[in-house]
Every structure is written in structure tokens, then in C-alpha cells.
């Protein structure tokens, strides 16, 4: 975790097994919050594929918008503290 001005930035990696239990997945994340811990920017890369632009727009592996996630900007990754 680091600070850049008033921003708090957390970066990390989560490695987990998928439903098949034989396929490991790699999730890299960067979370930027303001001084009050309000999420301002999010970047998640799963298996080296970007899924969000950090502005509430989410995309599948074909680059198509995932409308069910549109507007989702507050995140909860169960494997980490954020």
C-alpha cells in the first residue's frame, strides 16, 4: 500500500483455483481510494485480461460490455481486505 498525494493505492495478486480445481487463475488488482477510503479507481486483470476500465464499464473476453456489471465501481474481493 502506498500514498500519492491524498490517494491511497493498494496493489496485489490473488491466485485461486477455479471450479474445475485443476485450473489456477491469476488476478492482479490496483485499487485507488481517496483519504476517506472512497474507491476512485479500480483495475482488475484476470488471467492477463482486463475486465474493467475503472469507470464502471466491464467487458468480457471478446471486449463486449457486461451490462449486468455496468456502474459497479465499489468492489469487494473476498480474498483481500478491501
C-alpha atoms as a PDB file:
ATOM      1  CA  UNK A   1       0.000   0.000   0.000  1.00  0.00           C
ATOM      2  CA  UNK A   2       1.234   3.497  -0.779  1.00  0.00           C
ATOM      3  CA  UNK A   3       0.113   7.116  -0.817  1.00  0.00           C
ATOM      4  CA  UNK A   4       0.210   9.524  -3.735  1.00  0.00           C
ATOM      5  CA  UNK A   5      -0.998  12.921  -2.594  1.00  0.00           C
ATOM      6  CA  UNK A   6      -4.396  12.305  -0.985  1.00  0.00           C
ATOM      7  CA  UNK A   7      -4.822   8.952  -2.747  1.00  0.00           C
ATOM      8  CA  UNK A   8      -4.266   5.589  -1.097  1.00  0.00           C
ATOM      9  CA  UNK A   9      -3.169   2.897  -3.543  1.00  0.00           C
ATOM     10  CA  UNK A  10      -3.253  -0.842  -2.915  1.00  0.00           C
ATOM     11  CA  UNK A  11      -1.866  -3.377  -5.371  1.00  0.00           C
ATOM     12  CA  UNK A  12      -1.740  -7.138  -5.142  1.00  0.00           C
ATOM     13  CA  UNK A  13      -2.213 -10.537  -6.691  1.00  0.00           C
ATOM     14  CA  UNK A  14      -4.649 -13.317  -5.851  1.00  0.00           C
ATOM     15  CA  UNK A  15      -4.072 -16.814  -7.223  1.00  0.00           C
ATOM     16  CA  UNK A  16      -7.005 -19.215  -6.893  1.00  0.00           C
ATOM     17  CA  UNK A  17      -8.374 -22.478  -8.244  1.00  0.00           C
ATOM     18  CA  UNK A  18     -11.408 -22.398 -10.495  1.00  0.00           C
ATOM     19  CA  UNK A  19     -14.425 -24.664 -10.250  1.00  0.00           C
ATOM     20  CA  UNK A  20     -12.522 -27.366 -12.089  1.00  0.00           C
ATOM     21  CA  UNK A  21      -9.932 -27.354  -9.250  1.00  0.00           C
ATOM     22  CA  UNK A  22      -7.215 -28.137 -11.799  1.00  0.00           C
ATOM     23  CA  UNK A  23      -7.047 -24.694 -13.392  1.00  0.00           C
ATOM     24  CA  UNK A  24      -5.351 -21.916 -11.438  1.00  0.00           C
ATOM     25  CA  UNK A  25      -6.327 -18.310 -12.117  1.00  0.00           C
ATOM     26  CA  UNK A  26      -4.249 -15.191 -11.599  1.00  0.00           C
ATOM     27  CA  UNK A  27      -5.936 -11.934 -10.554  1.00  0.00           C
ATOM     28  CA  UNK A  28      -3.921  -8.704 -10.304  1.00  0.00           C
ATOM     29  CA  UNK A  29      -5.590  -5.634  -8.878  1.00  0.00           C
ATOM     30  CA  UNK A  30      -4.925  -1.967  -8.191  1.00  0.00           C
ATOM     31  CA  UNK A  31      -7.342  -0.013  -6.014  1.00  0.00           C
ATOM     32  CA  UNK A  32      -7.125   3.749  -5.560  1.00  0.00           C
ATOM     33  CA  UNK A  33      -9.160   5.464  -2.849  1.00  0.00           C
ATOM     34  CA  UNK A  34      -9.315   8.996  -1.551  1.00  0.00           C
ATOM     35  CA  UNK A  35      -8.299   9.919   2.008  1.00  0.00           C
ATOM     36  CA  UNK A  36     -11.780   8.821   3.215  1.00  0.00           C
ATOM     37  CA  UNK A  37     -11.369   5.332   1.658  1.00  0.00           C
ATOM     38  CA  UNK A  38     -13.904   6.047  -1.111  1.00  0.00           C
ATOM     39  CA  UNK A  39     -12.981   3.986  -4.187  1.00  0.00           C
ATOM     40  CA  UNK A  40     -11.932   6.283  -7.026  1.00  0.00           C
ATOM     41  CA  UNK A  41     -10.287   3.875  -9.464  1.00  0.00           C
ATOM     42  CA  UNK A  42     -10.109   0.120  -9.900  1.00  0.00           C
ATOM     43  CA  UNK A  43      -8.118  -2.044 -12.245  1.00  0.00           C
ATOM     44  CA  UNK A  44      -8.534  -5.824 -12.240  1.00  0.00           C
ATOM     45  CA  UNK A  45      -6.740  -8.127 -14.622  1.00  0.00           C
ATOM     46  CA  UNK A  46      -7.799 -11.777 -14.526  1.00  0.00           C
ATOM     47  CA  UNK A  47      -5.610 -14.247 -16.375  1.00  0.00           C
ATOM     48  CA  UNK A  48      -3.994 -11.293 -18.138  1.00  0.00           C
ATOM     49  CA  UNK A  49      -7.292  -9.972 -19.487  1.00  0.00           C
ATOM     50  CA  UNK A  50      -8.513  -6.513 -18.440  1.00  0.00           C
ATOM     51  CA  UNK A  51     -12.139  -6.657 -17.379  1.00  0.00           C
ATOM     52  CA  UNK A  52     -12.873  -3.103 -16.174  1.00  0.00           C
ATOM     53  CA  UNK A  53     -11.913   0.383 -17.254  1.00  0.00           C
ATOM     54  CA  UNK A  54     -12.247   1.657 -13.670  1.00  0.00           C
ATOM     55  CA  UNK A  55     -15.243   3.821 -14.586  1.00  0.00           C
ATOM     56  CA  UNK A  56     -17.991   1.262 -14.078  1.00  0.00           C
ATOM     57  CA  UNK A  57     -17.691  -0.348 -17.513  1.00  0.00           C
ATOM     58  CA  UNK A  58     -16.938  -4.087 -17.614  1.00  0.00           C
ATOM     59  CA  UNK A  59     -16.027  -6.270 -20.590  1.00  0.00           C
ATOM     60  CA  UNK A  60     -15.861  -9.976 -21.411  1.00  0.00           C
ATOM     61  CA  UNK A  61     -13.016 -11.736 -23.212  1.00  0.00           C
ATOM     62  CA  UNK A  62     -14.422 -10.605 -26.578  1.00  0.00           C
ATOM     63  CA  UNK A  63     -14.398  -6.958 -25.494  1.00  0.00           C
ATOM     64  CA  UNK A  64     -18.196  -6.844 -25.277  1.00  0.00           C
ATOM     65  CA  UNK A  65     -19.827  -4.856 -22.491  1.00  0.00           C
ATOM     66  CA  UNK A  66     -21.183  -6.806 -19.486  1.00  0.00           C
ATOM     67  CA  UNK A  67     -24.374  -4.861 -18.821  1.00  0.00           C
ATOM     68  CA  UNK A  68     -25.129  -6.631 -15.505  1.00  0.00           C
ATOM     69  CA  UNK A  69     -21.988  -5.037 -14.036  1.00  0.00           C
ATOM     70  CA  UNK A  70     -22.424  -1.581 -15.584  1.00  0.00           C
ATOM     71  CA  UNK A  71     -21.916   1.102 -12.957  1.00  0.00           C
ATOM     72  CA  UNK A  72     -20.208  -1.235 -10.471  1.00  0.00           C
ATOM     73  CA  UNK A  73     -17.399   0.848  -9.005  1.00  0.00           C
ATOM     74  CA  UNK A  74     -17.278  -0.263  -5.365  1.00  0.00           C
ATOM     75  CA  UNK A  75     -15.553  -3.587  -5.139  1.00  0.00           C
ATOM     76  CA  UNK A  76     -15.328  -6.436  -2.662  1.00  0.00           C
ATOM     77  CA  UNK A  77     -12.655  -9.023  -3.322  1.00  0.00           C
ATOM     78  CA  UNK A  78     -13.246 -11.661  -0.661  1.00  0.00           C
ATOM     79  CA  UNK A  79      -9.625 -12.835  -0.628  1.00  0.00           C
ATOM     80  CA  UNK A  80      -8.281  -9.399   0.410  1.00  0.00           C
ATOM     81  CA  UNK A  81      -9.056  -6.737   2.985  1.00  0.00           C
ATOM     82  CA  UNK A  82     -10.653  -4.223   0.586  1.00  0.00           C
END
